[in-house]
Amino acid sequence: MRDDFLSGDWAANRHHLSAGIDKLAGNVARIVGDTFDALTRQQFDAPWRRHWRHVKIGTPR
């Protein structure tokens, strides 16, 4: 087990593992970034910048 990194299989396939780890780290970073963006939007949302629907109450249809 200790010498697995010295085998020919490891030398032939290590780029697949590296690419998988890189893809995983990229996905995690994107998800964390999207989450922080959403939290920032909620925290610093200005009510005067919202687009409200204009609804008239009490008018006959």
Protein backbone atom coordinates (compact mmCIF):
# COMPACT_ATOMS: atom_id res chain seq x y z
CA MET A 1 0.00 0.00 0.00
CA ARG A 2 2.80 2.35 0.83
CA ASP A 3 4.44 1.79 -2.55
CA ASP A 4 1.29 2.39 -4.63
CA PHE A 5 2.59 5.79 -5.71
CA LEU A 6 5.66 4.12 -7.19
CA SER A 7 3.69 1.76 -9.43
CA GLY A 8 3.24 2.14 -13.17
CA ASP A 9 -0.54 2.47 -12.79
CA TRP A 10 -0.13 5.57 -10.66
CA ALA A 11 2.31 7.08 -13.14
CA ALA A 12 -0.07 6.39 -16.03
CA ASN A 13 -3.25 7.69 -14.35
CA ARG A 14 -2.22 10.43 -11.95
CA HIS A 15 -3.48 13.14 -14.32
CA HIS A 16 -7.03 11.76 -13.99
CA LEU A 17 -6.89 12.14 -10.22
CA SER A 18 -5.43 15.62 -10.51
CA ALA A 19 -8.12 16.66 -13.00
CA GLY A 20 -10.85 15.26 -10.72
CA ILE A 21 -9.53 17.10 -7.69
CA ASP A 22 -9.23 20.31 -9.71
CA LYS A 23 -12.81 19.95 -10.95
CA LEU A 24 -14.09 19.28 -7.43
CA ALA A 25 -12.25 22.29 -6.00
CA GLY A 26 -13.57 24.50 -8.80
CA ASN A 27 -17.16 23.37 -8.18
CA VAL A 28 -16.86 23.93 -4.43
CA ALA A 29 -15.36 27.39 -4.97
CA ARG A 30 -18.17 28.32 -7.39
CA ILE A 31 -20.88 27.12 -4.99
CA VAL A 32 -19.34 28.95 -2.04
CA GLY A 33 -18.98 32.10 -4.13
CA ASP A 34 -22.61 31.92 -5.28
CA THR A 35 -23.74 31.43 -1.68
CA PHE A 36 -21.80 34.45 -0.44
CA ASP A 37 -23.14 36.53 -3.34
CA ALA A 38 -26.71 35.58 -2.40
CA LEU A 39 -26.12 36.40 1.27
CA THR A 40 -24.58 39.76 0.35
CA ARG A 41 -27.55 40.58 -1.88
CA GLN A 42 -29.95 39.79 0.97
CA GLN A 43 -27.97 41.74 3.55
CA PHE A 44 -27.42 44.86 1.47
CA ASP A 45 -30.68 44.87 -0.47
CA ALA A 46 -31.99 48.43 -0.66
CA PRO A 47 -35.80 48.58 -0.50
CA TRP A 48 -35.89 51.65 -2.73
CA ARG A 49 -34.22 49.68 -5.51
CA ARG A 50 -36.87 46.98 -5.59
CA HIS A 51 -39.35 46.92 -8.44
CA TRP A 52 -42.76 46.66 -6.85
CA ARG A 53 -45.89 45.73 -8.71
CA HIS A 54 -48.46 48.50 -8.70
CA VAL A 55 -51.69 46.95 -7.48
CA LYS A 56 -54.82 49.00 -7.07
CA ILE A 57 -56.96 47.80 -4.20
CA GLY A 58 -60.71 48.26 -4.20
CA THR A 59 -61.25 48.89 -7.89
CA PRO A 60 -64.00 46.95 -9.65
CA ARG A 61 -62.95 44.38 -12.19
